[in-house]
PDB file of N, CA and C in Angstrom:
ATOM      1  N   MET A   1      32.410  24.625 -10.258  1.00  0.00           N
ATOM      2  CA  MET A   1      31.351  24.404  -8.772  1.00  0.00           C
ATOM      3  C   MET A   1      30.106  24.020  -8.722  1.00  0.00           C
ATOM      4  N   VAL A   2      29.788  23.095  -7.954  1.00  0.00           N
ATOM      5  CA  VAL A   2      28.409  22.520  -7.983  1.00  0.00           C
ATOM      6  C   VAL A   2      28.101  22.581  -6.366  1.00  0.00           C
ATOM      7  N   GLY A   3      26.946  23.730  -6.281  1.00  0.00           N
ATOM      8  CA  GLY A   3      26.467  24.003  -5.043  1.00  0.00           C
ATOM      9  C   GLY A   3      27.553  24.318  -3.900  1.00  0.00           C
ATOM     10  N   GLY A   4      28.198  25.378  -4.412  1.00  0.00           N
ATOM     11  CA  GLY A   4      29.628  25.526  -3.483  1.00  0.00           C
ATOM     12  C   GLY A   4      30.647  24.611  -3.300  1.00  0.00           C
ATOM     13  N   VAL A   5      30.373  23.643  -3.694  1.00  0.00           N
ATOM     14  CA  VAL A   5      31.364  22.238  -3.692  1.00  0.00           C
ATOM     15  C   VAL A   5      32.255  22.750  -5.324  1.00  0.00           C
ATOM     16  N   LEU A   6      33.823  22.712  -4.805  1.00  0.00           N
ATOM     17  CA  LEU A   6      34.695  22.736  -6.185  1.00  0.00           C
ATOM     18  C   LEU A   6      34.534  20.824  -6.903  1.00  0.00           C
ATOM     19  N   VAL A   7      34.107  20.629  -8.051  1.00  0.00           N
ATOM     20  CA  VAL A   7      34.439  19.376  -8.493  1.00  0.00           C
ATOM     21  C   VAL A   7      35.501  19.400  -9.459  1.00  0.00           C
ATOM     22  N   GLU A   8      36.079  18.109 -10.231  1.00  0.00           N
ATOM     23  CA  GLU A   8      37.169  18.185 -10.956  1.00  0.00           C
ATOM     24  C   GLU A   8      36.383  17.453 -12.113  1.00  0.00           C
ATOM     25  N   ARG A   9      35.300  16.907 -12.256  1.00  0.00           N
ATOM     26  CA  ARG A   9      34.735  16.008 -13.494  1.00  0.00           C
ATOM     27  C   ARG A   9      33.719  17.390 -14.273  1.00  0.00           C
ATOM     28  N   THR A  10      34.005  17.183 -15.676  1.00  0.00           N
ATOM     29  CA  THR A  10      33.425  18.013 -16.266  1.00  0.00           C
ATOM     30  C   THR A  10      31.999  17.331 -16.670  1.00  0.00           C
ATOM     31  N   VAL A  11      30.847  18.313 -17.536  1.00  0.00           N
ATOM     32  CA  VAL A  11      29.855  17.936 -17.517  1.00  0.00           C
ATOM     33  C   VAL A  11      29.748  16.544 -18.612  1.00  0.00           C
ATOM     34  N   LYS A  12      30.878  16.618 -19.464  1.00  0.00           N
ATOM     35  CA  LYS A  12      30.865  15.630 -20.360  1.00  0.00           C
ATOM     36  C   LYS A  12      30.924  14.206 -19.643  1.00  0.00           C
ATOM     37  N   GLU A  13      31.843  14.220 -18.334  1.00  0.00           N
ATOM     38  CA  GLU A  13      32.165  12.868 -17.720  1.00  0.00           C
ATOM     39  C   GLU A  13      30.714  12.422 -16.886  1.00  0.00           C
ATOM     40  N   VAL A  14      30.145  13.608 -16.495  1.00  0.00           N
ATOM     41  CA  VAL A  14      28.967  13.707 -15.233  1.00  0.00           C
ATOM     42  C   VAL A  14      27.609  13.191 -15.987  1.00  0.00           C
ATOM     43  N   LEU A  15      27.364  13.715 -17.397  1.00  0.00           N
ATOM     44  CA  LEU A  15      26.304  13.439 -17.888  1.00  0.00           C
ATOM     45  C   LEU A  15      25.752  12.007 -18.392  1.00  0.00           C
ATOM     46  N   PRO A  16      26.749  11.102 -18.982  1.00  0.00           N
ATOM     47  CA  PRO A  16      26.394   9.938 -18.866  1.00  0.00           C
ATOM     48  C   PRO A  16      26.089   8.866 -17.720  1.00  0.00           C
ATOM     49  N   ALA A  17      26.773   9.377 -16.541  1.00  0.00           N
ATOM     50  CA  ALA A  17      26.555   8.331 -15.306  1.00  0.00           C
ATOM     51  C   ALA A  17      25.192   9.583 -14.885  1.00  0.00           C
ATOM     52  N   LEU A  18      24.827  10.265 -14.746  1.00  0.00           N
ATOM     53  CA  LEU A  18      23.475  10.698 -14.561  1.00  0.00           C
ATOM     54  C   LEU A  18      22.192  10.215 -15.164  1.00  0.00           C
ATOM     55  N   GLU A  19      22.684  10.203 -16.616  1.00  0.00           N
ATOM     56  CA  GLU A  19      21.166   9.375 -17.460  1.00  0.00           C
ATOM     57  C   GLU A  19      21.338   8.015 -17.127  1.00  0.00           C
ATOM     58  N   SER A  20      22.441   7.399 -17.143  1.00  0.00           N
ATOM     59  CA  SER A  20      22.180   6.079 -16.554  1.00  0.00           C
ATOM     60  C   SER A  20      21.770   5.636 -15.197  1.00  0.00           C
ATOM     61  N   ASN A  21      21.903   6.876 -14.487  1.00  0.00           N
ATOM     62  CA  ASN A  21      21.321   6.544 -13.221  1.00  0.00           C
ATOM     63  C   ASN A  21      19.761   6.808 -13.149  1.00  0.00           C
ATOM     64  N   ARG A  22      19.413   7.838 -14.160  1.00  0.00           N
ATOM     65  CA  ARG A  22      17.936   8.107 -14.140  1.00  0.00           C
ATOM     66  C   ARG A  22      17.095   6.782 -14.796  1.00  0.00           C
ATOM     67  N   GLU A  23      17.827   6.403 -15.627  1.00  0.00           N
ATOM     68  CA  GLU A  23      16.998   5.044 -16.367  1.00  0.00           C
ATOM     69  C   GLU A  23      16.972   3.865 -15.096  1.00  0.00           C
ATOM     70  N   GLN A  24      18.054   3.522 -14.551  1.00  0.00           N
ATOM     71  CA  GLN A  24      18.102   2.800 -13.674  1.00  0.00           C
ATOM     72  C   GLN A  24      16.880   2.946 -12.466  1.00  0.00           C
ATOM     73  N   ILE A  25      16.488   4.282 -12.200  1.00  0.00           N
ATOM     74  CA  ILE A  25      15.784   4.712 -11.131  1.00  0.00           C
ATOM     75  C   ILE A  25      14.253   4.215 -11.778  1.00  0.00           C
ATOM     76  N   SER A  26      14.005   4.765 -12.988  1.00  0.00           N
ATOM     77  CA  SER A  26      12.875   4.416 -13.789  1.00  0.00           C
ATOM     78  C   SER A  26      12.546   2.981 -13.820  1.00  0.00           C
ATOM     79  N   LYS A  27      13.498   1.906 -14.181  1.00  0.00           N
ATOM     80  CA  LYS A  27      13.352   0.625 -14.062  1.00  0.00           C
ATOM     81  C   LYS A  27      13.106   0.240 -12.513  1.00  0.00           C
ATOM     82  N   LEU A  28      13.668   0.576 -11.425  1.00  0.00           N
ATOM     83  CA  LEU A  28      13.351   0.370 -10.163  1.00  0.00           C
ATOM     84  C   LEU A  28      12.186   0.683  -9.619  1.00  0.00           C
ATOM     85  N   ILE A  29      11.647   1.801 -10.061  1.00  0.00           N
ATOM     86  CA  ILE A  29      10.394   2.137  -9.845  1.00  0.00           C
ATOM     87  C   ILE A  29       9.347   1.509 -10.296  1.00  0.00           C
ATOM     88  N   GLU A  30       9.098   0.960 -11.675  1.00  0.00           N
ATOM     89  CA  GLU A  30       8.559  -0.353 -12.271  1.00  0.00           C
ATOM     90  C   GLU A  30       8.296  -1.428 -11.800  1.00  0.00           C
ATOM     91  N   ALA A  31       9.682  -1.944 -11.292  1.00  0.00           N
ATOM     92  CA  ALA A  31       9.308  -3.079 -10.641  1.00  0.00           C
ATOM     93  C   ALA A  31       9.078  -2.820  -9.409  1.00  0.00           C
ATOM     94  N   LEU A  32       8.880  -1.897  -8.516  1.00  0.00           N
ATOM     95  CA  LEU A  32       8.194  -1.408  -7.221  1.00  0.00           C
ATOM     96  C   LEU A  32       7.078  -1.836  -7.246  1.00  0.00           C
ATOM     97  N   ALA A  33       6.503  -0.749  -8.426  1.00  0.00           N
ATOM     98  CA  ALA A  33       5.081  -0.887  -8.462  1.00  0.00           C
ATOM     99  C   ALA A  33       4.328  -2.165  -8.925  1.00  0.00           C
ATOM    100  N   GLN A  34       5.041  -2.725  -9.768  1.00  0.00           N
ATOM    101  CA  GLN A  34       4.674  -4.179  -9.959  1.00  0.00           C
ATOM    102  C   GLN A  34       4.795  -5.177  -8.552  1.00  0.00           C
ATOM    103  N   GLN A  35       5.705  -5.317  -7.614  1.00  0.00           N
ATOM    104  CA  GLN A  35       5.709  -5.711  -6.536  1.00  0.00           C
ATOM    105  C   GLN A  35       4.710  -5.628  -5.957  1.00  0.00           C
ATOM    106  N   LEU A  36       4.052  -4.031  -5.710  1.00  0.00           N
ATOM    107  CA  LEU A  36       3.268  -3.359  -4.664  1.00  0.00           C
ATOM    108  C   LEU A  36       1.858  -4.345  -5.278  1.00  0.00           C
ATOM    109  N   GLN A  37       1.844  -3.972  -6.715  1.00  0.00           N
ATOM    110  CA  GLN A  37       0.328  -4.465  -6.886  1.00  0.00           C
ATOM    111  C   GLN A  37       0.288  -6.224  -6.758  1.00  0.00           C
ATOM    112  N   ALA A  38       1.465  -6.755  -7.048  1.00  0.00           N
ATOM    113  CA  ALA A  38       1.397  -8.400  -6.703  1.00  0.00           C
ATOM    114  C   ALA A  38       0.929  -8.565  -4.909  1.00  0.00           C
ATOM    115  N   LYS A  39       1.546  -7.856  -4.249  1.00  0.00           N
ATOM    116  CA  LYS A  39       1.458  -7.803  -2.747  1.00  0.00           C
ATOM    117  C   LYS A  39      -0.177  -7.302  -2.518  1.00  0.00           C
ATOM    118  N   GLY A  40      -0.571  -6.350  -3.215  1.00  0.00           N
ATOM    119  CA  GLY A  40      -2.011  -6.149  -2.821  1.00  0.00           C
ATOM    120  C   GLY A  40      -3.057  -7.343  -2.975  1.00  0.00           C
ATOM    121  N   ARG A  41      -2.797  -7.976  -4.322  1.00  0.00           N
ATOM    122  CA  ARG A  41      -3.088  -9.153  -4.523  1.00  0.00           C
ATOM    123  C   ARG A  41      -3.172 -10.223  -3.611  1.00  0.00           C
ATOM    124  N   GLU A  42      -1.974 -10.549  -3.222  1.00  0.00           N
ATOM    125  CA  GLU A  42      -1.649 -11.273  -2.431  1.00  0.00           C
ATOM    126  C   GLU A  42      -3.017 -11.047  -0.553  1.00  0.00           C
ATOM    127  N   LEU A  43      -2.305  -9.726  -0.646  1.00  0.00           N
ATOM    128  CA  LEU A  43      -3.230  -9.516   0.731  1.00  0.00           C
ATOM    129  C   LEU A  43      -4.732  -9.615   0.634  1.00  0.00           C
ATOM    130  N   SER A  44      -5.220  -9.396  -0.528  1.00  0.00           N
ATOM    131  CA  SER A  44      -6.754  -9.093  -0.425  1.00  0.00           C
ATOM    132  C   SER A  44      -6.930 -10.775  -0.569  1.00  0.00           C
ATOM    133  N   GLU A  45      -6.518 -11.522  -1.484  1.00  0.00           N
ATOM    134  CA  GLU A  45      -6.635 -13.042  -1.163  1.00  0.00           C
ATOM    135  C   GLU A  45      -6.344 -13.714   0.161  1.00  0.00           C
ATOM    136  N   PHE A  46      -5.503 -13.179   1.099  1.00  0.00           N
ATOM    137  CA  PHE A  46      -5.294 -13.624   2.274  1.00  0.00           C
ATOM    138  C   PHE A  46      -6.558 -13.320   3.126  1.00  0.00           C
ATOM    139  N   ARG A  47      -6.464 -12.004   2.701  1.00  0.00           N
ATOM    140  CA  ARG A  47      -7.811 -11.402   3.891  1.00  0.00           C
ATOM    141  C   ARG A  47      -9.311 -12.061   3.901  1.00  0.00           C
ATOM    142  N   GLY A  48      -9.527 -12.036   2.396  1.00  0.00           N
ATOM    143  CA  GLY A  48     -10.961 -12.605   2.022  1.00  0.00           C
ATOM    144  C   GLY A  48     -11.275 -13.735   1.968  1.00  0.00           C
ATOM    145  N   GLU A  49     -10.338 -14.871   0.725  1.00  0.00           N
ATOM    146  CA  GLU A  49     -10.455 -15.709   0.245  1.00  0.00           C
ATOM    147  C   GLU A  49     -10.139 -17.085   1.575  1.00  0.00           C
ATOM    148  N   ARG A  50      -9.254 -16.643   2.027  1.00  0.00           N
ATOM    149  CA  ARG A  50      -8.350 -18.112   2.592  1.00  0.00           C
ATOM    150  C   ARG A  50      -8.842 -17.695   4.280  1.00  0.00           C
ATOM    151  N   HIS A  51      -9.150 -16.472   4.685  1.00  0.00           N
ATOM    152  CA  HIS A  51      -8.943 -16.420   6.171  1.00  0.00           C
ATOM    153  C   HIS A  51     -10.272 -15.505   6.657  1.00  0.00           C
ATOM    154  N   ASN A  52     -11.069 -15.177   5.933  1.00  0.00           N
ATOM    155  CA  ASN A  52     -12.190 -14.284   6.101  1.00  0.00           C
ATOM    156  C   ASN A  52     -12.050 -13.307   7.078  1.00  0.00           C
ATOM    157  N   ILE A  53     -10.792 -12.345   7.020  1.00  0.00           N
ATOM    158  CA  ILE A  53     -10.430 -11.643   7.833  1.00  0.00           C
ATOM    159  C   ILE A  53     -11.344  -9.848   7.551  1.00  0.00           C
ATOM    160  N   ARG A  54     -11.814  -9.461   8.279  1.00  0.00           N
ATOM    161  CA  ARG A  54     -12.444  -8.285   7.959  1.00  0.00           C
ATOM    162  C   ARG A  54     -11.949  -7.306   8.711  1.00  0.00           C
ATOM    163  N   LEU A  55     -11.823  -5.753   8.531  1.00  0.00           N
ATOM    164  CA  LEU A  55     -11.547  -4.616   9.257  1.00  0.00           C
ATOM    165  C   LEU A  55     -12.559  -4.491  10.134  1.00  0.00           C
ATOM    166  N   VAL A  56     -12.200  -3.385  11.129  1.00  0.00           N
ATOM    167  CA  VAL A  56     -13.529  -2.972  11.899  1.00  0.00           C
ATOM    168  C   VAL A  56     -14.471  -2.135  10.802  1.00  0.00           C
ATOM    169  N   GLY A  57     -15.601  -2.083  10.959  1.00  0.00           N
ATOM    170  CA  GLY A  57     -16.661  -1.399  10.551  1.00  0.00           C
ATOM    171  C   GLY A  57     -16.742  -2.206   8.793  1.00  0.00           C
ATOM    172  N   GLU A  58     -15.802  -2.839   8.477  1.00  0.00           N
ATOM    173  CA  GLU A  58     -16.125  -3.387   6.991  1.00  0.00           C
ATOM    174  C   GLU A  58     -17.077  -4.327   7.373  1.00  0.00           C
ATOM    175  N   GLU A  59     -17.935  -4.471   5.887  1.00  0.00           N
ATOM    176  CA  GLU A  59     -19.067  -5.457   6.276  1.00  0.00           C
ATOM    177  C   GLU A  59     -18.814  -6.606   5.421  1.00  0.00           C
ATOM    178  N   ASP A  60     -19.185  -7.502   5.685  1.00  0.00           N
ATOM    179  CA  ASP A  60     -19.194  -8.831   4.800  1.00  0.00           C
ATOM    180  C   ASP A  60     -19.853  -9.048   3.665  1.00  0.00           C
ATOM    181  N   PRO A  61     -19.245  -9.091   2.577  1.00  0.00           N
ATOM    182  CA  PRO A  61     -20.254  -8.925   1.383  1.00  0.00           C
ATOM    183  C   PRO A  61     -20.989 -10.125   1.156  1.00  0.00           C
ATOM    184  N   LYS A  62     -20.995 -11.281   2.120  1.00  0.00           N
ATOM    185  CA  LYS A  62     -21.721 -12.582   1.933  1.00  0.00           C
ATOM    186  C   LYS A  62     -22.767 -12.471   2.871  1.00  0.00           C
ATOM    187  N   ALA A  63     -22.483 -11.997   3.912  1.00  0.00           N
ATOM    188  CA  ALA A  63     -23.620 -11.727   5.254  1.00  0.00           C
ATOM    189  C   ALA A  63     -24.786 -11.239   4.687  1.00  0.00           C
ATOM    190  N   ALA A  64     -25.969 -11.678   5.242  1.00  0.00           N
ATOM    191  CA  ALA A  64     -27.246 -10.862   5.201  1.00  0.00           C
ATOM    192  C   ALA A  64     -27.089  -9.545   5.944  1.00  0.00           C
ATOM    193  N   PRO A  65     -28.001  -8.450   5.716  1.00  0.00           N
ATOM    194  CA  PRO A  65     -28.167  -7.205   6.079  1.00  0.00           C
ATOM    195  C   PRO A  65     -28.326  -7.520   7.640  1.00  0.00           C
ATOM    196  N   ARG A  66     -28.265  -6.743   8.619  1.00  0.00           N
ATOM    197  CA  ARG A  66     -28.342  -7.158  10.078  1.00  0.00           C
ATOM    198  C   ARG A  66     -29.762  -5.925  10.608  1.00  0.00           C
ATOM    199  N   ASP A  67     -30.306  -6.414  11.464  1.00  0.00           N
ATOM    200  CA  ASP A  67     -31.303  -6.080  11.932  1.00  0.00           C
ATOM    201  C   ASP A  67     -31.182  -5.044  12.883  1.00  0.00           C
ATOM    202  N   GLY A  68     -31.938  -3.606  12.744  1.00  0.00           N
ATOM    203  CA  GLY A  68     -32.074  -2.801  14.206  1.00  0.00           C
ATOM    204  C   GLY A  68     -30.577  -1.635  13.744  1.00  0.00           C
ATOM    205  N   PRO A  69     -30.342  -0.807  14.656  1.00  0.00           N
ATOM    206  CA  PRO A  69     -29.474   0.507  14.244  1.00  0.00           C
ATOM    207  C   PRO A  69     -28.592  -0.298  15.215  1.00  0.00           C
ATOM    208  N   GLU A  70     -28.124  -1.057  15.824  1.00  0.00           N
ATOM    209  CA  GLU A  70     -27.187  -1.358  16.458  1.00  0.00           C
ATOM    210  C   GLU A  70     -26.217  -2.895  15.851  1.00  0.00           C
ATOM    211  N   GLY A  71     -27.047  -3.367  15.046  1.00  0.00           N
ATOM    212  CA  GLY A  71     -26.507  -4.547  14.085  1.00  0.00           C
ATOM    213  C   GLY A  71     -26.892  -5.663  14.612  1.00  0.00           C
ATOM    214  N   GLY A  72     -27.681  -5.698  16.144  1.00  0.00           N
ATOM    215  CA  GLY A  72     -27.979  -6.897  16.326  1.00  0.00           C
ATOM    216  C   GLY A  72     -29.236  -6.880  16.598  1.00  0.00           C
ATOM    217  N   LYS A  73     -29.832  -8.173  17.783  1.00  0.00           N
ATOM    218  CA  LYS A  73     -31.500  -8.379  18.033  1.00  0.00           C
ATOM    219  C   LYS A  73     -31.429  -8.424  19.513  1.00  0.00           C
ATOM    220  N   GLY A  74     -30.701  -7.797  20.126  1.00  0.00           N
ATOM    221  CA  GLY A  74     -31.140  -8.188  21.793  1.00  0.00           C
ATOM    222  C   GLY A  74     -30.300  -7.005  22.474  1.00  0.00           C
ATOM    223  N   GLY A  75     -29.971  -5.728  21.833  1.00  0.00           N
ATOM    224  CA  GLY A  75     -29.338  -5.078  22.638  1.00  0.00           C
ATOM    225  C   GLY A  75     -27.975  -4.551  22.474  1.00  0.00           C
ATOM    226  N   PRO A  76     -26.879  -3.880  23.218  1.00  0.00           N
ATOM    227  CA  PRO A  76     -25.876  -3.105  22.980  1.00  0.00           C
ATOM    228  C   PRO A  76     -25.039  -4.462  22.439  1.00  0.00           C
ATOM    229  N   GLY A  77     -25.209  -5.315  22.844  1.00  0.00           N
ATOM    230  CA  GLY A  77     -24.146  -6.633  22.478  1.00  0.00           C
ATOM    231  C   GLY A  77     -23.320  -6.751  23.105  1.00  0.00           C
ATOM    232  N   GLY A  78     -23.285  -6.606  24.457  1.00  0.00           N
ATOM    233  CA  GLY A  78     -21.905  -6.775  25.572  1.00  0.00           C
ATOM    234  C   GLY A  78     -21.037  -5.553  25.622  1.00  0.00           C
ATOM    235  N   VAL A  79     -21.801  -4.222  25.599  1.00  0.00           N
ATOM    236  CA  VAL A  79     -21.139  -3.026  25.807  1.00  0.00           C
ATOM    237  C   VAL A  79     -21.182  -2.789  27.091  1.00  0.00           C
ATOM    238  N   LEU A  80     -20.182  -2.591  28.012  1.00  0.00           N
ATOM    239  CA  LEU A  80     -20.212  -2.196  29.270  1.00  0.00           C
ATOM    240  C   LEU A  80     -20.964  -0.407  29.628  1.00  0.00           C
ATOM    241  N   VAL A  81     -21.441  -0.269  30.287  1.00  0.00           N
ATOM    242  CA  VAL A  81     -21.528   1.300  30.478  1.00  0.00           C
ATOM    243  C   VAL A  81     -21.896   1.530  31.841  1.00  0.00           C
ATOM    244  N   SER A  82     -20.826   2.601  32.239  1.00  0.00           N
ATOM    245  CA  SER A  82     -20.671   2.563  33.855  1.00  0.00           C
ATOM    246  C   SER A  82     -21.308   3.879  34.201  1.00  0.00           C
TER     247      SER A  82
END
């Protein structure tokens, strides 16, 4: 019985299949990790070098430091307050 279910296979039959599955899963994990790293590099290249895309709050490394606490020279910069 395995988990309350009666099975007709022995450990001798099941163990090689489980070991094979474990090896295939570890190879798959390695391949996915490599794909993730490649996509991360591709995304960084796309965002930074090609299209100069920045996230909100992210500083431009090439830009000079901004003046004042608001980050601009003339007030709140288009913020409407009611």
